[in-house]
Each structure stands twice: as C-alpha cells, then as structure tokens.
C-alpha cells in the first residue's frame, strides 16, 4: 500500500530487506573514445560524472587504483566509486557514465564496499 505520489522516477520498490542501498563500490568500466561519442581528454582521480542505474542518475566520485594516474578514452579500468546518495544495487548491476548530457562510458558493479 503506497500512493503513486509516494515514489519518484528511478526509485526501487522491493520487499523489505530484499535489497539494500549502497554508496561505495568497485566497478569495471569502459570509457568511450572520441570516435564512439565519448570524452576527448583523459580523467583523473576525483572525476565526478553522473552514474545512471536503471532509470535513476546520481553523481559519484571516481577514485583510480594506486599507480594509475589517468584514464584515457578507450580504456578498460577498475575504479572505486562513491555516490553522493545511496542507490539500491547488487553486484553485477550495469550502469552508464554520463557527463554533460552524453554517455562517456559504461560499467558493472564488481564489488559492494559499503
């Protein structure tokens, strides 16, 4: 029993206790090249794009692995992401990485941290 006004686009309706919201996770991502419609330049730790999960979007901070200075367009990379708000997710959930209204990459949740 929930009213239509009680939910927003992108929210997950689930049985209590069946899925938990998380903010921090490890991801395997592919960053599109300029020719694929992605970025023209590399990004560094603390890059803050939008992450699209299902039908919702949330800003997240990307942290690169130790020893990796930057991510070039066309790279496959393992990153740690910390979202500004928790999202209902499980390992294996796919997402898009967007910036300025265009998709610049895609990825999958590899491991939930918190």
N, C-alpha and C. Protein backbone atom coordinates (compact mmCIF):
# COMPACT_ATOMS: atom_id res chain seq x y z
N UNK A 1 0.79 -1.19 0.00
CA UNK A 1 0.00 0.00 0.00
C UNK A 1 0.84 1.25 0.00
N UNK A 2 1.12 1.76 -1.18
CA UNK A 2 1.82 3.05 -1.29
C UNK A 2 1.17 3.86 -2.40
N UNK A 3 1.02 5.16 -2.14
CA UNK A 3 0.42 6.05 -3.14
C UNK A 3 1.42 6.35 -4.25
N UNK A 4 0.89 6.64 -5.42
CA UNK A 4 1.72 6.99 -6.57
C UNK A 4 2.59 8.21 -6.26
N UNK A 5 2.07 9.14 -5.48
CA UNK A 5 2.81 10.35 -5.12
C UNK A 5 3.96 10.04 -4.16
N UNK A 6 3.97 8.85 -3.57
CA UNK A 6 4.98 8.48 -2.59
C UNK A 6 6.27 7.94 -3.20
N UNK A 7 6.30 7.79 -4.52
CA UNK A 7 7.52 7.30 -5.18
C UNK A 7 7.92 8.23 -6.31
N UNK A 8 9.22 8.25 -6.59
CA UNK A 8 9.75 9.08 -7.66
C UNK A 8 10.37 8.21 -8.73
N UNK A 9 10.53 8.77 -9.92
CA UNK A 9 11.19 8.07 -11.02
C UNK A 9 12.57 7.59 -10.56
N UNK A 10 12.85 6.33 -10.86
CA UNK A 10 14.16 5.77 -10.54
C UNK A 10 14.24 5.04 -9.21
N UNK A 11 13.25 5.25 -8.34
CA UNK A 11 13.25 4.54 -7.07
C UNK A 11 12.90 3.08 -7.28
N UNK A 12 13.39 2.23 -6.38
CA UNK A 12 13.15 0.79 -6.47
C UNK A 12 12.12 0.40 -5.43
N UNK A 13 11.09 -0.29 -5.88
CA UNK A 13 10.07 -0.82 -4.97
C UNK A 13 10.39 -2.29 -4.76
N UNK A 14 10.68 -2.67 -3.51
CA UNK A 14 11.10 -4.04 -3.23
C UNK A 14 10.56 -4.51 -1.89
N UNK A 15 10.56 -5.81 -1.72
CA UNK A 15 10.16 -6.41 -0.46
C UNK A 15 11.15 -5.97 0.63
N UNK A 16 10.66 -5.56 1.79
CA UNK A 16 11.57 -5.09 2.84
C UNK A 16 12.69 -6.10 3.13
N UNK A 17 13.92 -5.59 3.15
CA UNK A 17 15.08 -6.43 3.45
C UNK A 17 15.63 -7.20 2.27
N UNK A 18 15.01 -7.10 1.08
CA UNK A 18 15.46 -7.89 -0.06
C UNK A 18 16.63 -7.24 -0.81
N UNK A 19 16.76 -5.94 -0.70
CA UNK A 19 17.86 -5.23 -1.37
C UNK A 19 18.22 -4.02 -0.52
N UNK A 20 19.52 -3.73 -0.45
CA UNK A 20 19.98 -2.61 0.39
C UNK A 20 20.56 -1.51 -0.48
N UNK A 21 20.41 -0.27 -0.03
CA UNK A 21 21.05 0.84 -0.75
C UNK A 21 22.54 0.92 -0.37
N UNK A 22 23.36 1.22 -1.36
CA UNK A 22 24.80 1.33 -1.13
C UNK A 22 25.33 2.60 -1.77
N UNK A 23 26.47 3.07 -1.24
CA UNK A 23 27.09 4.29 -1.77
C UNK A 23 28.45 4.04 -2.41
N UNK A 24 29.17 3.03 -1.91
CA UNK A 24 30.55 2.84 -2.36
C UNK A 24 30.73 1.45 -2.95
N UNK A 25 31.35 1.39 -4.12
CA UNK A 25 31.54 0.10 -4.80
C UNK A 25 32.75 0.13 -5.72
N UNK A 26 33.23 -1.06 -6.04
CA UNK A 26 34.26 -1.20 -7.06
C UNK A 26 33.56 -1.53 -8.37
N UNK A 27 34.07 -0.99 -9.45
CA UNK A 27 33.44 -1.19 -10.75
C UNK A 27 34.48 -1.51 -11.81
N UNK A 28 34.03 -2.23 -12.82
CA UNK A 28 34.82 -2.43 -14.03
C UNK A 28 34.12 -1.59 -15.09
N UNK A 29 34.86 -0.67 -15.68
CA UNK A 29 34.24 0.28 -16.62
C UNK A 29 35.03 0.38 -17.91
N UNK A 30 34.32 0.74 -18.97
CA UNK A 30 34.93 1.05 -20.26
C UNK A 30 34.62 2.51 -20.57
N UNK A 31 35.63 3.27 -20.92
CA UNK A 31 35.45 4.69 -21.24
C UNK A 31 35.47 4.84 -22.76
N UNK A 32 34.38 5.38 -23.30
CA UNK A 32 34.24 5.53 -24.75
C UNK A 32 35.31 6.45 -25.33
N UNK A 33 35.71 6.16 -26.56
CA UNK A 33 36.65 7.02 -27.27
C UNK A 33 35.90 8.21 -27.87
N UNK A 34 36.65 9.19 -28.34
CA UNK A 34 36.06 10.35 -29.01
C UNK A 34 35.22 9.90 -30.20
N UNK A 35 35.71 8.92 -30.96
CA UNK A 35 35.00 8.42 -32.15
C UNK A 35 33.70 7.70 -31.78
N UNK A 36 33.64 7.16 -30.57
CA UNK A 36 32.42 6.48 -30.09
C UNK A 36 31.44 7.46 -29.44
N UNK A 37 31.81 8.74 -29.41
CA UNK A 37 30.95 9.76 -28.82
C UNK A 37 31.30 10.09 -27.39
N UNK A 38 32.43 9.60 -26.92
CA UNK A 38 32.84 9.82 -25.52
C UNK A 38 33.71 11.05 -25.34
N UNK A 39 34.54 10.99 -24.31
CA UNK A 39 35.43 12.09 -23.96
C UNK A 39 36.55 12.26 -24.99
N UNK A 40 37.07 13.48 -25.04
CA UNK A 40 38.21 13.77 -25.91
C UNK A 40 39.50 13.74 -25.10
N UNK A 41 39.36 13.88 -23.77
CA UNK A 41 40.53 14.01 -22.89
C UNK A 41 40.46 12.97 -21.77
N UNK A 42 41.60 12.70 -21.12
CA UNK A 42 41.60 11.74 -20.00
C UNK A 42 40.92 12.34 -18.77
N UNK A 43 40.64 11.46 -17.79
CA UNK A 43 40.18 11.96 -16.49
C UNK A 43 41.07 11.39 -15.39
N UNK A 44 41.00 12.02 -14.24
CA UNK A 44 41.88 11.71 -13.12
C UNK A 44 41.05 11.35 -11.89
N UNK A 45 41.72 10.95 -10.80
CA UNK A 45 41.04 10.68 -9.54
C UNK A 45 40.22 11.92 -9.16
N UNK A 46 39.07 11.68 -8.55
CA UNK A 46 38.10 12.70 -8.12
C UNK A 46 37.24 13.23 -9.27
N UNK A 47 37.28 12.58 -10.42
CA UNK A 47 36.35 12.88 -11.53
C UNK A 47 34.93 12.63 -11.02
N UNK A 48 34.00 13.53 -11.32
CA UNK A 48 32.63 13.46 -10.78
C UNK A 48 31.56 13.44 -11.87
N UNK A 49 31.39 12.33 -12.56
CA UNK A 49 30.33 12.24 -13.56
C UNK A 49 29.00 11.81 -12.94
N UNK A 50 27.98 11.67 -13.77
CA UNK A 50 26.69 11.10 -13.36
C UNK A 50 26.71 9.61 -13.65
N UNK A 51 26.20 8.82 -12.72
CA UNK A 51 26.07 7.38 -12.92
C UNK A 51 24.59 7.06 -13.08
N UNK A 52 24.23 6.41 -14.17
CA UNK A 52 22.83 6.04 -14.44
C UNK A 52 22.63 4.57 -14.14
N UNK A 53 21.82 4.29 -13.10
CA UNK A 53 21.45 2.93 -12.72
C UNK A 53 19.97 2.78 -13.03
N UNK A 54 19.60 1.80 -13.81
CA UNK A 54 18.20 1.60 -14.23
C UNK A 54 17.68 2.90 -14.82
N UNK A 55 16.79 3.59 -14.11
CA UNK A 55 16.23 4.85 -14.62
C UNK A 55 16.57 6.04 -13.74
N UNK A 56 17.52 5.87 -12.82
CA UNK A 56 17.88 6.99 -11.95
C UNK A 56 19.33 7.38 -12.17
N UNK A 57 19.64 8.63 -11.88
CA UNK A 57 21.02 9.09 -12.01
C UNK A 57 21.47 9.73 -10.71
N UNK A 58 22.75 9.56 -10.41
CA UNK A 58 23.33 10.12 -9.20
C UNK A 58 24.80 10.45 -9.46
N UNK A 59 25.25 11.56 -8.90
CA UNK A 59 26.65 11.94 -9.04
C UNK A 59 27.52 11.03 -8.18
N UNK A 60 28.68 10.69 -8.70
CA UNK A 60 29.63 9.87 -7.96
C UNK A 60 31.04 10.36 -8.18
N UNK A 61 31.92 10.01 -7.23
CA UNK A 61 33.33 10.40 -7.31
C UNK A 61 34.13 9.15 -7.67
N UNK A 62 34.92 9.24 -8.74
CA UNK A 62 35.76 8.11 -9.19
C UNK A 62 37.13 8.21 -8.57
N UNK A 63 37.59 7.11 -7.99
CA UNK A 63 38.95 7.01 -7.49
C UNK A 63 39.66 5.92 -8.27
N UNK A 64 40.82 6.27 -8.81
CA UNK A 64 41.59 5.34 -9.64
C UNK A 64 42.45 4.44 -8.75
N UNK A 65 42.80 3.25 -9.27
CA UNK A 65 43.67 2.35 -8.50
C UNK A 65 45.04 2.98 -8.26
N UNK A 66 45.71 2.52 -7.22
CA UNK A 66 47.04 3.03 -6.92
C UNK A 66 47.97 2.77 -8.10
N UNK A 67 48.75 3.76 -8.45
CA UNK A 67 49.67 3.62 -9.57
C UNK A 67 49.09 4.03 -10.91
N UNK A 68 47.77 4.28 -10.96
CA UNK A 68 47.13 4.74 -12.21
C UNK A 68 46.90 6.24 -12.08
N UNK A 69 47.57 7.00 -12.96
CA UNK A 69 47.49 8.45 -12.88
C UNK A 69 46.26 9.02 -13.57
N UNK A 70 45.91 8.42 -14.74
CA UNK A 70 44.78 8.93 -15.50
C UNK A 70 44.15 7.81 -16.32
N UNK A 71 42.91 8.06 -16.75
CA UNK A 71 42.18 7.12 -17.60
C UNK A 71 41.95 7.79 -18.95
N UNK A 72 42.41 7.13 -19.99
CA UNK A 72 42.27 7.66 -21.35
C UNK A 72 41.00 7.14 -21.99
N UNK A 73 40.39 7.91 -22.90
CA UNK A 73 39.27 7.38 -23.67
C UNK A 73 39.69 6.09 -24.37
N UNK A 74 38.84 5.06 -24.30
CA UNK A 74 39.15 3.76 -24.88
C UNK A 74 39.67 2.75 -23.86
N UNK A 75 39.96 3.22 -22.64
CA UNK A 75 40.50 2.34 -21.59
C UNK A 75 39.41 1.50 -20.92
N UNK A 76 39.81 0.28 -20.55
CA UNK A 76 39.05 -0.53 -19.60
C UNK A 76 39.75 -0.33 -18.26
N UNK A 77 38.97 -0.05 -17.21
CA UNK A 77 39.59 0.32 -15.93
C UNK A 77 38.77 -0.19 -14.76
N UNK A 78 39.45 -0.53 -13.67
CA UNK A 78 38.78 -0.84 -12.41
C UNK A 78 38.84 0.43 -11.58
N UNK A 79 37.69 0.92 -11.15
CA UNK A 79 37.62 2.14 -10.36
C UNK A 79 36.82 1.89 -9.09
N UNK A 80 37.05 2.74 -8.10
CA UNK A 80 36.21 2.75 -6.90
C UNK A 80 35.34 3.99 -7.00
N UNK A 81 34.03 3.80 -6.81
CA UNK A 81 33.08 4.90 -6.95
C UNK A 81 32.38 5.13 -5.62
N UNK A 82 32.26 6.39 -5.22
CA UNK A 82 31.47 6.76 -4.05
C UNK A 82 30.37 7.71 -4.51
N UNK A 83 29.12 7.25 -4.38
CA UNK A 83 27.96 8.05 -4.80
C UNK A 83 27.61 9.05 -3.71
N UNK A 84 26.98 10.16 -4.11
CA UNK A 84 26.59 11.17 -3.12
C UNK A 84 25.32 10.76 -2.37
N UNK A 85 24.51 9.88 -2.97
CA UNK A 85 23.33 9.33 -2.27
C UNK A 85 23.29 7.82 -2.52
N UNK A 86 22.81 7.05 -1.54
CA UNK A 86 22.77 5.59 -1.71
C UNK A 86 21.74 5.17 -2.77
N UNK A 87 22.08 4.10 -3.50
CA UNK A 87 21.22 3.54 -4.55
C UNK A 87 21.05 2.05 -4.27
N UNK A 88 19.85 1.54 -4.49
CA UNK A 88 19.62 0.10 -4.37
C UNK A 88 20.40 -0.60 -5.47
N UNK A 89 21.37 -1.43 -5.07
CA UNK A 89 22.20 -2.12 -6.07
C UNK A 89 22.71 -3.44 -5.54
N UNK A 90 23.07 -4.29 -6.47
CA UNK A 90 23.70 -5.57 -6.18
C UNK A 90 24.89 -5.72 -7.11
N UNK A 91 25.76 -6.64 -6.77
CA UNK A 91 26.88 -6.97 -7.64
C UNK A 91 26.34 -7.40 -9.00
N UNK A 92 26.96 -6.95 -10.07
CA UNK A 92 26.52 -7.31 -11.41
C UNK A 92 25.61 -6.29 -12.07
N UNK A 93 25.14 -5.28 -11.30
CA UNK A 93 24.27 -4.25 -11.87
C UNK A 93 25.06 -3.39 -12.86
N UNK A 94 24.50 -3.18 -14.04
CA UNK A 94 25.15 -2.36 -15.06
C UNK A 94 24.75 -0.89 -14.91
N UNK A 95 25.63 -0.02 -15.36
CA UNK A 95 25.35 1.41 -15.30
C UNK A 95 26.01 2.12 -16.47
N UNK A 96 25.54 3.33 -16.73
CA UNK A 96 26.16 4.20 -17.73
C UNK A 96 26.83 5.36 -17.00
N UNK A 97 27.92 5.84 -17.56
CA UNK A 97 28.61 7.01 -17.02
C UNK A 97 28.33 8.15 -17.99
N UNK A 98 27.76 9.24 -17.46
CA UNK A 98 27.37 10.35 -18.33
C UNK A 98 27.97 11.66 -17.83
N UNK A 99 28.20 12.55 -18.79
CA UNK A 99 28.78 13.85 -18.48
C UNK A 99 28.25 14.85 -19.50
N UNK A 100 27.73 15.94 -19.03
CA UNK A 100 27.25 16.99 -19.93
C UNK A 100 26.20 16.50 -20.92
N UNK A 101 25.33 15.57 -20.49
CA UNK A 101 24.24 15.11 -21.34
C UNK A 101 24.60 14.02 -22.34
N UNK A 102 25.83 13.52 -22.30
CA UNK A 102 26.19 12.43 -23.21
C UNK A 102 26.85 11.29 -22.45
N UNK A 103 26.70 10.08 -22.98
CA UNK A 103 27.30 8.90 -22.36
C UNK A 103 28.79 8.87 -22.68
N UNK A 104 29.62 8.74 -21.66
CA UNK A 104 31.06 8.71 -21.86
C UNK A 104 31.67 7.36 -21.47
N UNK A 105 30.83 6.47 -20.92
CA UNK A 105 31.34 5.15 -20.54
C UNK A 105 30.23 4.27 -20.02
N UNK A 106 30.59 3.02 -19.75
CA UNK A 106 29.64 2.07 -19.16
C UNK A 106 30.41 1.16 -18.23
N UNK A 107 29.67 0.52 -17.33
CA UNK A 107 30.36 -0.35 -16.39
C UNK A 107 29.42 -1.29 -15.68
N UNK A 108 30.00 -2.07 -14.79
CA UNK A 108 29.26 -3.03 -14.00
C UNK A 108 29.80 -2.99 -12.57
N UNK A 109 28.90 -3.13 -11.60
CA UNK A 109 29.30 -3.18 -10.19
C UNK A 109 30.00 -4.52 -9.96
N UNK A 110 31.29 -4.46 -9.61
CA UNK A 110 32.08 -5.68 -9.40
C UNK A 110 32.03 -6.13 -7.94
N UNK A 111 32.00 -5.17 -7.01
CA UNK A 111 32.03 -5.49 -5.58
C UNK A 111 31.45 -4.33 -4.78
N UNK A 112 30.54 -4.64 -3.87
CA UNK A 112 29.97 -3.62 -2.98
C UNK A 112 30.96 -3.40 -1.82
N UNK A 113 31.27 -2.16 -1.52
CA UNK A 113 32.16 -1.85 -0.39
C UNK A 113 31.34 -1.42 0.81
N UNK A 114 30.42 -0.46 0.61
CA UNK A 114 29.53 -0.04 1.71
C UNK A 114 28.26 0.59 1.17
